[in-house]
Amino acid sequence: MGFKNEFLSNLSIYLKDKRKTFFLCFSIFFIIFFMLLSFSVIDSSPKSWDLLVSQELQEDPTMLLDMLMKSFSWLGTVYVAAIMVIVFSIIFFVFKYMREGFFVLSCLLSGGVSYVLKTLIDRPRPTTDFVRIVEETHYQSFPSGHVLFYTAFFGTLMVIAISSSILKLSWKLIISSICVAMIVLGAVSRIYLGAHWFTDVIGGFIVGVLFVMFTGSVYLRSKNKSTLIQE
């Protein structure tokens, strides 16, 4: 009985913090949404909205558009993604932003998260029976590893920029806009190239958001503690 009362008391104190309540609610929402989405795609067949989105994006293909979409998608390939993360981390380390460097470096973990989820859900890739395949792909389809990485990596850069005390508001808006554009273009490219269904992309985005929420909360908590100590 005493344990129950203590638990309820601690829960009440926790929920009084609006930021923690906001974080908890959004985390639960995204987790439940991802689980429902996972169960809906587990039968492997494409959904009506999957076919609709693919048909719309592939309606007027051109050689130039193929090249552009391939270039956006190329940034999310394993080796290129790893190089991007390491280079940005090194830049932060060189300028003595150690906390930011490790925050960016944590994006490498998104690849492991993607692999585990793909293996567990085991949804096959789109086929030529339904869509135009521009880029041959391997491994399972759900969630999209490219979109998961794009959301994790560019989301991380957004958190760093927005929480920065040295960047002007205009620069924060510019960096955030570029990051959002890269996430959206990366997602669109995967569907256009026939590598993923719309639901794969949504799944990758949700996991990416959850990834940034958790790693970002650790980063911001550490940053706030450091600021308080200095004051």
C-alpha atoms as a PDB file:
ATOM      1  CA  MET A   1       0.000   0.000   0.000  1.00  0.00           C
ATOM      2  CA  GLY A   2       2.840   2.351   0.902  1.00  0.00           C
ATOM      3  CA  PHE A   3       4.537   1.619  -2.427  1.00  0.00           C
ATOM      4  CA  LYS A   4       1.304   2.423  -4.299  1.00  0.00           C
ATOM      5  CA  ASN A   5       0.900   5.765  -2.516  1.00  0.00           C
ATOM      6  CA  GLU A   6       4.543   6.653  -3.174  1.00  0.00           C
ATOM      7  CA  PHE A   7       4.157   5.763  -6.846  1.00  0.00           C
ATOM      8  CA  LEU A   8       1.003   7.900  -7.211  1.00  0.00           C
ATOM      9  CA  SER A   9       2.707  10.783  -5.406  1.00  0.00           C
ATOM     10  CA  ASN A  10       5.752  10.625  -7.690  1.00  0.00           C
ATOM     11  CA  LEU A  11       3.516  10.380 -10.766  1.00  0.00           C
ATOM     12  CA  SER A  12       1.564  13.447  -9.661  1.00  0.00           C
ATOM     13  CA  ILE A  13       4.760  15.481  -9.209  1.00  0.00           C
ATOM     14  CA  TYR A  14       5.993  14.330 -12.620  1.00  0.00           C
ATOM     15  CA  LEU A  15       2.775  15.312 -14.384  1.00  0.00           C
ATOM     16  CA  LYS A  16       2.880  18.790 -12.863  1.00  0.00           C
ATOM     17  CA  ASP A  17       5.816  19.545 -15.098  1.00  0.00           C
ATOM     18  CA  LYS A  18       4.096  20.534 -18.351  1.00  0.00           C
ATOM     19  CA  ARG A  19       7.126  19.851 -20.520  1.00  0.00           C
ATOM     20  CA  LYS A  20       7.450  16.318 -19.178  1.00  0.00           C
ATOM     21  CA  THR A  21       3.715  15.774 -19.622  1.00  0.00           C
ATOM     22  CA  PHE A  22       3.925  17.024 -23.210  1.00  0.00           C
ATOM     23  CA  PHE A  23       6.896  14.730 -23.891  1.00  0.00           C
ATOM     24  CA  LEU A  24       5.177  11.715 -22.305  1.00  0.00           C
ATOM     25  CA  CYS A  25       1.898  12.222 -24.192  1.00  0.00           C
ATOM     26  CA  PHE A  26       3.597  12.639 -27.552  1.00  0.00           C
ATOM     27  CA  SER A  27       5.841   9.622 -26.932  1.00  0.00           C
ATOM     28  CA  ILE A  28       2.857   7.416 -26.094  1.00  0.00           C
ATOM     29  CA  PHE A  29       0.913   8.740 -29.097  1.00  0.00           C
ATOM     30  CA  PHE A  30       3.742   8.035 -31.565  1.00  0.00           C
ATOM     31  CA  ILE A  31       4.473   4.594 -30.083  1.00  0.00           C
ATOM     32  CA  ILE A  32       0.815   3.535 -30.295  1.00  0.00           C
ATOM     33  CA  PHE A  33       0.486   4.982 -33.811  1.00  0.00           C
ATOM     34  CA  PHE A  34       3.601   3.091 -34.940  1.00  0.00           C
ATOM     35  CA  MET A  35       2.359  -0.172 -33.421  1.00  0.00           C
ATOM     36  CA  LEU A  36      -1.015   0.158 -35.158  1.00  0.00           C
ATOM     37  CA  LEU A  37       0.701   0.997 -38.431  1.00  0.00           C
ATOM     38  CA  SER A  38       3.007  -2.019 -38.032  1.00  0.00           C
ATOM     39  CA  PHE A  39       0.072  -4.371 -37.507  1.00  0.00           C
ATOM     40  CA  SER A  40      -1.723  -2.901 -40.524  1.00  0.00           C
ATOM     41  CA  VAL A  41       1.200  -3.620 -42.901  1.00  0.00           C
ATOM     42  CA  ILE A  42       2.186  -7.015 -41.540  1.00  0.00           C
ATOM     43  CA  ASP A  43       0.052  -8.868 -44.109  1.00  0.00           C
ATOM     44  CA  SER A  44       2.463  -7.528 -46.806  1.00  0.00           C
ATOM     45  CA  SER A  45      -0.207  -6.352 -49.254  1.00  0.00           C
ATOM     46  CA  PRO A  46      -0.091  -2.666 -50.305  1.00  0.00           C
ATOM     47  CA  LYS A  47      -2.850  -0.483 -48.895  1.00  0.00           C
ATOM     48  CA  SER A  48      -5.110   1.693 -51.042  1.00  0.00           C
ATOM     49  CA  TRP A  49      -3.390   4.868 -49.835  1.00  0.00           C
ATOM     50  CA  ASP A  50      -0.005   3.295 -50.615  1.00  0.00           C
ATOM     51  CA  LEU A  51      -1.032   2.718 -54.212  1.00  0.00           C
ATOM     52  CA  LEU A  52      -2.654   6.155 -54.485  1.00  0.00           C
ATOM     53  CA  VAL A  53       0.417   8.070 -53.251  1.00  0.00           C
ATOM     54  CA  SER A  54       2.811   6.029 -55.420  1.00  0.00           C
ATOM     55  CA  GLN A  55       0.653   6.562 -58.506  1.00  0.00           C
ATOM     56  CA  GLU A  56       0.460  10.322 -57.877  1.00  0.00           C
ATOM     57  CA  LEU A  57       4.216  10.734 -57.372  1.00  0.00           C
ATOM     58  CA  GLN A  58       5.107   8.529 -60.347  1.00  0.00           C
ATOM     59  CA  GLU A  59       2.487   9.962 -62.677  1.00  0.00           C
ATOM     60  CA  ASP A  60       4.839  12.132 -64.776  1.00  0.00           C
ATOM     61  CA  PRO A  61       8.353  10.656 -64.575  1.00  0.00           C
ATOM     62  CA  THR A  62      11.273  12.321 -66.356  1.00  0.00           C
ATOM     63  CA  MET A  63      14.978  11.550 -66.579  1.00  0.00           C
ATOM     64  CA  LEU A  64      15.808  14.786 -64.729  1.00  0.00           C
ATOM     65  CA  LEU A  65      13.362  13.966 -61.942  1.00  0.00           C
ATOM     66  CA  ASP A  66      14.804  10.445 -61.694  1.00  0.00           C
ATOM     67  CA  MET A  67      18.292  11.909 -61.226  1.00  0.00           C
ATOM     68  CA  LEU A  68      17.136  14.436 -58.630  1.00  0.00           C
ATOM     69  CA  MET A  69      15.277  11.826 -56.609  1.00  0.00           C
ATOM     70  CA  LYS A  70      18.248   9.458 -56.776  1.00  0.00           C
ATOM     71  CA  SER A  71      20.543  12.202 -55.500  1.00  0.00           C
ATOM     72  CA  PHE A  72      18.298  12.927 -52.504  1.00  0.00           C
ATOM     73  CA  SER A  73      18.015   9.212 -51.802  1.00  0.00           C
ATOM     74  CA  TRP A  74      21.791   8.695 -52.151  1.00  0.00           C
ATOM     75  CA  LEU A  75      22.419  10.835 -49.058  1.00  0.00           C
ATOM     76  CA  GLY A  76      20.599   8.228 -46.982  1.00  0.00           C
ATOM     77  CA  THR A  77      22.644   5.215 -48.096  1.00  0.00           C
ATOM     78  CA  VAL A  78      24.559   3.498 -45.299  1.00  0.00           C
ATOM     79  CA  TYR A  79      28.091   4.662 -46.120  1.00  0.00           C
ATOM     80  CA  VAL A  80      27.133   8.214 -47.082  1.00  0.00           C
ATOM     81  CA  ALA A  81      24.940   8.573 -43.985  1.00  0.00           C
ATOM     82  CA  ALA A  82      27.751   7.323 -41.729  1.00  0.00           C
ATOM     83  CA  ILE A  83      30.234   9.754 -43.328  1.00  0.00           C
ATOM     84  CA  MET A  84      27.799  12.668 -42.883  1.00  0.00           C
ATOM     85  CA  VAL A  85      27.333  11.865 -39.196  1.00  0.00           C
ATOM     86  CA  ILE A  86      31.059  11.439 -38.540  1.00  0.00           C
ATOM     87  CA  VAL A  87      32.022  14.619 -40.426  1.00  0.00           C
ATOM     88  CA  PHE A  88      29.471  16.763 -38.569  1.00  0.00           C
ATOM     89  CA  SER A  89      30.509  15.203 -35.258  1.00  0.00           C
ATOM     90  CA  ILE A  90      34.175  15.947 -35.935  1.00  0.00           C
ATOM     91  CA  ILE A  91      33.330  19.563 -36.809  1.00  0.00           C
ATOM     92  CA  PHE A  92      31.589  19.979 -33.457  1.00  0.00           C
ATOM     93  CA  PHE A  93      34.453  18.249 -31.614  1.00  0.00           C
ATOM     94  CA  VAL A  94      37.063  20.453 -33.306  1.00  0.00           C
ATOM     95  CA  PHE A  95      35.249  23.597 -32.149  1.00  0.00           C
ATOM     96  CA  LYS A  96      34.938  22.182 -28.614  1.00  0.00           C
ATOM     97  CA  TYR A  97      31.188  21.520 -28.803  1.00  0.00           C
ATOM     98  CA  MET A  98      31.559  18.062 -27.290  1.00  0.00           C
ATOM     99  CA  ARG A  99      27.943  17.660 -26.222  1.00  0.00           C
ATOM    100  CA  GLU A 100      26.683  18.506 -29.718  1.00  0.00           C
ATOM    101  CA  GLY A 101      29.266  16.184 -31.281  1.00  0.00           C
ATOM    102  CA  PHE A 102      28.058  13.195 -29.265  1.00  0.00           C
ATOM    103  CA  PHE A 103      24.439  14.147 -29.931  1.00  0.00           C
ATOM    104  CA  VAL A 104      25.056  14.007 -33.693  1.00  0.00           C
ATOM    105  CA  LEU A 105      27.116  10.824 -33.313  1.00  0.00           C
ATOM    106  CA  SER A 106      24.132   9.127 -31.669  1.00  0.00           C
ATOM    107  CA  CYS A 107      22.411   9.205 -35.086  1.00  0.00           C
ATOM    108  CA  LEU A 108      24.522   6.170 -36.024  1.00  0.00           C
ATOM    109  CA  LEU A 109      22.287   4.162 -33.683  1.00  0.00           C
ATOM    110  CA  SER A 110      19.325   4.811 -35.991  1.00  0.00           C
ATOM    111  CA  GLY A 111      20.734   2.256 -38.416  1.00  0.00           C
ATOM    112  CA  GLY A 112      20.556  -0.465 -35.775  1.00  0.00           C
ATOM    113  CA  VAL A 113      17.021   0.546 -34.813  1.00  0.00           C
ATOM    114  CA  SER A 114      15.984   0.380 -38.480  1.00  0.00           C
ATOM    115  CA  TYR A 115      17.549  -3.058 -38.986  1.00  0.00           C
ATOM    116  CA  VAL A 116      15.832  -4.567 -35.926  1.00  0.00           C
ATOM    117  CA  LEU A 117      12.398  -3.206 -36.857  1.00  0.00           C
ATOM    118  CA  LYS A 118      12.721  -4.267 -40.503  1.00  0.00           C
ATOM    119  CA  THR A 119      13.674  -7.786 -39.437  1.00  0.00           C
ATOM    120  CA  LEU A 120      10.811  -8.076 -36.945  1.00  0.00           C
ATOM    121  CA  ILE A 121       8.079  -6.737 -39.252  1.00  0.00           C
ATOM    122  CA  ASP A 122       9.516  -8.296 -42.436  1.00  0.00           C
ATOM    123  CA  ARG A 123       7.457  -6.453 -45.040  1.00  0.00           C
ATOM    124  CA  PRO A 124       8.572  -7.007 -48.658  1.00  0.00           C
ATOM    125  CA  ARG A 125       9.501  -4.137 -50.987  1.00  0.00           C
ATOM    126  CA  PRO A 126       7.136  -2.767 -53.649  1.00  0.00           C
ATOM    127  CA  THR A 127       7.212  -4.756 -56.887  1.00  0.00           C
ATOM    128  CA  THR A 128       6.798  -3.925 -60.567  1.00  0.00           C
ATOM    129  CA  ASP A 129       3.282  -5.378 -60.349  1.00  0.00           C
ATOM    130  CA  PHE A 130       2.223  -2.175 -58.613  1.00  0.00           C
ATOM    131  CA  VAL A 131       4.818   0.566 -59.135  1.00  0.00           C
ATOM    132  CA  ARG A 132       7.648   1.722 -61.381  1.00  0.00           C
ATOM    133  CA  ILE A 133      10.937   0.591 -59.837  1.00  0.00           C
ATOM    134  CA  VAL A 134      13.645   3.177 -60.548  1.00  0.00           C
ATOM    135  CA  GLU A 135      16.094   2.048 -57.871  1.00  0.00           C
ATOM    136  CA  GLU A 136      16.633  -1.591 -56.917  1.00  0.00           C
ATOM    137  CA  THR A 137      16.736  -2.080 -53.148  1.00  0.00           C
ATOM    138  CA  HIS A 138      17.482  -4.818 -50.649  1.00  0.00           C
ATOM    139  CA  TYR A 139      16.305  -5.827 -47.178  1.00  0.00           C
ATOM    140  CA  GLN A 140      12.785  -5.405 -45.856  1.00  0.00           C
ATOM    141  CA  SER A 141      10.572  -2.408 -46.525  1.00  0.00           C
ATOM    142  CA  PHE A 142       9.022  -1.254 -43.233  1.00  0.00           C
ATOM    143  CA  PRO A 143       9.966   1.181 -41.809  1.00  0.00           C
ATOM    144  CA  SER A 144      11.994   3.194 -44.314  1.00  0.00           C
ATOM    145  CA  GLY A 145      15.582   3.297 -43.061  1.00  0.00           C
ATOM    146  CA  HIS A 146      16.367   6.316 -45.230  1.00  0.00           C
ATOM    147  CA  VAL A 147      13.516   8.364 -43.787  1.00  0.00           C
ATOM    148  CA  LEU A 148      14.333   7.209 -40.256  1.00  0.00           C
ATOM    149  CA  PHE A 149      17.919   8.412 -40.708  1.00  0.00           C
ATOM    150  CA  TYR A 150      16.908  11.685 -42.393  1.00  0.00           C
ATOM    151  CA  THR A 151      14.489  12.439 -39.550  1.00  0.00           C
ATOM    152  CA  ALA A 152      17.042  11.491 -36.887  1.00  0.00           C
ATOM    153  CA  PHE A 153      19.980  13.342 -38.454  1.00  0.00           C
ATOM    154  CA  PHE A 154      18.291  16.523 -39.657  1.00  0.00           C
ATOM    155  CA  GLY A 155      16.029  16.521 -36.602  1.00  0.00           C
ATOM    156  CA  THR A 156      19.143  16.462 -34.430  1.00  0.00           C
ATOM    157  CA  LEU A 157      20.608  19.424 -36.303  1.00  0.00           C
ATOM    158  CA  MET A 158      17.309  21.274 -35.826  1.00  0.00           C
ATOM    159  CA  VAL A 159      17.361  20.680 -32.067  1.00  0.00           C
ATOM    160  CA  ILE A 160      20.952  21.936 -31.866  1.00  0.00           C
ATOM    161  CA  ALA A 161      20.148  25.029 -33.934  1.00  0.00           C
ATOM    162  CA  ILE A 162      16.911  25.928 -32.127  1.00  0.00           C
ATOM    163  CA  SER A 163      18.448  25.475 -28.658  1.00  0.00           C
ATOM    164  CA  SER A 164      21.586  27.414 -29.588  1.00  0.00           C
ATOM    165  CA  SER A 165      22.277  30.593 -27.634  1.00  0.00           C
ATOM    166  CA  ILE A 166      24.655  32.025 -30.254  1.00  0.00           C
ATOM    167  CA  LEU A 167      22.555  31.708 -33.412  1.00  0.00           C
ATOM    168  CA  LYS A 168      20.213  34.526 -34.401  1.00  0.00           C
ATOM    169  CA  LEU A 169      16.531  33.739 -34.961  1.00  0.00           C
ATOM    170  CA  SER A 170      16.939  34.180 -38.724  1.00  0.00           C
ATOM    171  CA  TRP A 171      19.654  31.522 -38.833  1.00  0.00           C
ATOM    172  CA  LYS A 172      17.585  29.175 -36.685  1.00  0.00           C
ATOM    173  CA  LEU A 173      14.705  29.527 -39.152  1.00  0.00           C
ATOM    174  CA  ILE A 174      16.969  29.000 -42.174  1.00  0.00           C
ATOM    175  CA  ILE A 175      18.621  25.878 -40.722  1.00  0.00           C
ATOM    176  CA  SER A 176      15.285  24.456 -39.568  1.00  0.00           C
ATOM    177  CA  SER A 177      13.691  25.080 -42.987  1.00  0.00           C
ATOM    178  CA  ILE A 178      16.555  23.319 -44.776  1.00  0.00           C
ATOM    179  CA  CYS A 179      16.350  20.362 -42.392  1.00  0.00           C
ATOM    180  CA  VAL A 180      12.571  20.005 -42.819  1.00  0.00           C
ATOM    181  CA  ALA A 181      12.959  20.248 -46.619  1.00  0.00           C
ATOM    182  CA  MET A 182      15.605  17.486 -46.602  1.00  0.00           C
ATOM    183  CA  ILE A 183      13.365  15.187 -44.542  1.00  0.00           C
ATOM    184  CA  VAL A 184      10.389  15.775 -46.862  1.00  0.00           C
ATOM    185  CA  LEU A 185      12.432  15.413 -50.064  1.00  0.00           C
ATOM    186  CA  GLY A 186      14.089  12.267 -48.739  1.00  0.00           C
ATOM    187  CA  ALA A 187      10.686  10.750 -48.011  1.00  0.00           C
ATOM    188  CA  VAL A 188       9.252  11.734 -51.403  1.00  0.00           C
ATOM    189  CA  SER A 189      12.297  10.338 -53.218  1.00  0.00           C
ATOM    190  CA  ARG A 190      11.880   6.882 -51.647  1.00  0.00           C
ATOM    191  CA  ILE A 191       8.291   6.617 -52.862  1.00  0.00           C
ATOM    192  CA  TYR A 192       9.037   8.110 -56.289  1.00  0.00           C
ATOM    193  CA  LEU A 193      11.902   5.645 -56.842  1.00  0.00           C
ATOM    194  CA  GLY A 194       9.611   2.717 -56.020  1.00  0.00           C
ATOM    195  CA  ALA A 195      11.758   1.739 -53.039  1.00  0.00           C
ATOM    196  CA  HIS A 196       9.023   2.186 -50.435  1.00  0.00           C
ATOM    197  CA  TRP A 197       5.329   2.487 -49.845  1.00  0.00           C
ATOM    198  CA  PHE A 198       3.799   5.579 -48.242  1.00  0.00           C
ATOM    199  CA  THR A 199       3.211   3.632 -45.000  1.00  0.00           C
ATOM    200  CA  ASP A 200       6.926   2.661 -44.909  1.00  0.00           C
ATOM    201  CA  VAL A 201       7.851   6.335 -45.072  1.00  0.00           C
ATOM    202  CA  ILE A 202       5.376   7.289 -42.331  1.00  0.00           C
ATOM    203  CA  GLY A 203       6.743   4.481 -40.164  1.00  0.00           C
ATOM    204  CA  GLY A 204      10.314   5.686 -40.676  1.00  0.00           C
ATOM    205  CA  PHE A 205       9.314   9.248 -39.845  1.00  0.00           C
ATOM    206  CA  ILE A 206       7.562   8.227 -36.617  1.00  0.00           C
ATOM    207  CA  VAL A 207      10.523   6.179 -35.386  1.00  0.00           C
ATOM    208  CA  GLY A 208      12.860   9.023 -36.370  1.00  0.00           C
ATOM    209  CA  VAL A 209      10.797  11.508 -34.357  1.00  0.00           C
ATOM    210  CA  LEU A 210      10.816   9.191 -31.343  1.00  0.00           C
ATOM    211  CA  PHE A 211      14.574   8.763 -31.732  1.00  0.00           C
ATOM    212  CA  VAL A 212      15.159  12.538 -31.699  1.00  0.00           C
ATOM    213  CA  MET A 213      12.738  13.015 -28.828  1.00  0.00           C
ATOM    214  CA  PHE A 214      14.710  10.648 -26.602  1.00  0.00           C
ATOM    215  CA  THR A 215      18.238  11.588 -27.662  1.00  0.00           C
ATOM    216  CA  GLY A 216      17.247  15.258 -27.755  1.00  0.00           C
ATOM    217  CA  SER A 217      15.832  15.119 -24.225  1.00  0.00           C
ATOM    218  CA  VAL A 218      19.145  13.701 -22.970  1.00  0.00           C
ATOM    219  CA  TYR A 219      21.066  16.419 -24.830  1.00  0.00           C
ATOM    220  CA  LEU A 220      18.877  19.289 -23.596  1.00  0.00           C
ATOM    221  CA  ARG A 221      18.879  18.005 -20.022  1.00  0.00           C
ATOM    222  CA  SER A 222      22.667  17.807 -20.069  1.00  0.00           C
ATOM    223  CA  LYS A 223      22.914  21.271 -21.623  1.00  0.00           C
ATOM    224  CA  ASN A 224      20.565  22.816 -19.054  1.00  0.00           C
ATOM    225  CA  LYS A 225      22.475  21.260 -16.156  1.00  0.00           C
ATOM    226  CA  SER A 226      25.726  22.640 -17.529  1.00  0.00           C
ATOM    227  CA  THR A 227      24.180  26.112 -17.815  1.00  0.00           C
ATOM    228  CA  LEU A 228      22.927  26.002 -14.221  1.00  0.00           C
ATOM    229  CA  ILE A 229      26.349  24.932 -12.927  1.00  0.00           C
ATOM    230  CA  GLN A 230      28.050  27.796 -14.770  1.00  0.00           C
ATOM    231  CA  GLU A 231      25.579  30.301 -13.299  1.00  0.00           C
END
